[in-house]
Amino acid sequence: MRRLNRKKTLNLMKELDAFPKVPESYVETSASGGTVSLIAFTTIAFLSVMEFMVYRDTWMKYEYEVDKDFTSKLRINIDITVAMRCQYVGADVLDLAETMVASADGLIYEPVVFDLTPQQKELQRMLQVIQSRLQEEHSLQDVIFKSAFKSASTALPPREDNSLQSPDACRIHGHLYVNKVAGNFHITVGKAIPHPRGHAHLAALVSHESYNFSHRIDHLSFGELIPGIINPLDGTEKIASDHNQMFQYFITVVPTKLHTHKISAETHQFSVTERERVINHGAGSHGVSGIFMKYDISSLMVTVTEEHMPFWQFLVRLCGIIGGIFSTTGILHGFGRFVAEIIFCRFRLGSYRSTSVPLPDGHTSNHLPLITDNSTH
């Protein structure tokens, strides 16, 4: 009984076979079929390799939502070099929500030489080239997000020439925390002095001839500091054409959550618009000489997630490639053979077309003469 059940099961499985075997004696091969098969196999191999490269690659998915976090503090990371001595300049943040000066105790004033060494100039030039490419090709930002924590820091390397030149500039670097509202970070002449109606700077003891707000922004970012991320103002250098000159940067900060296969961090992207002008009260150009960065916080939050193609989707696409190419090449091969047979059939009919034979009475016969044994002799 068990053997009988096994035979019935095997017979049932044979009936369900969707891939019946054709005897080799029934299969006719041809040179054209072999050529089409070679082309099909080559195309399948090429597209399979390309599909595997797509499977290995990832892409960034952007999602937008309203930022509901208004109570946390916003971190500002700063590394700016101004072509003035440290005792002549002061940096602070004016919080527009409370109309007061936020504490800038987290900033360090370091006397340095404003001119860069050849190695530092090379890195700055590279940053400027990357910035120009980012402005033209926005898709490069995805590459930067993917390579976060894998790239080297964008900060300038320390000086290695051991120059004996006396410091003529001030490097202001560090970080500070402000409220998540619009504000104004600025560097101007004199140290800041807070008072109930706002703030002031001790600029009376500094002569106008010593004003020089030529500056270099080695780094400016908002939120968590992520090595390898290049921000819009990194590598920026401005040379003042006049002593009384104002440089303004209007910044829009967008909270960003970054989730990749390497890191998960909360940072901020920002866009910037630049403006500079010479202060001349006689000509109607009023203001204060210095560097002013006016930032505003966007109400939208962007979530950037690195996604990968699922393995099952890769298999489905791969099967579609293989089956589609086999079906397409089979159809094209069959159609080509059909057209070729029609053309060759016409040539064969033309070769057997009847010829005219003259008769003794002057008429012609269009029938082929019969071939007999006597005619062969």
Foldseek 3Di string as FASTA:
>chain_A
DVVVVVVVVVVVVVVVDPDDDDDPVPDDDDPLVVVLVVVLVVQLVVVLVVLVVQQPDWFKDKDKDFDPDQPDWKKKWFKKKFQAAPQWKAKWKQDPVQQWTDDPVFKDKDFDAPDDDPQQVVLLVVLVVVLVVCVVDVRVQRVLLQCWPVDAALAGDDDDPPDPDGGRMIIITGMDIHGQFWMKIWMATAYWDIDPNHIDGPNPVPDLVRQWGWMFTQDIFMFDDIGSRRANRHSDTDGDPGRQKEKEKEKEKAWEWRAEPVDTGTTIHIDIDIDMDGDDVVVPRHDGGTYMYIYGYDRMHMYMYMDGDDPVVSVVVSVCSSVVSVVVSVVVSVVVVVVVVVVVVVVVVVVVQFDWDADPVGDIDRDDDDDDPVVVD
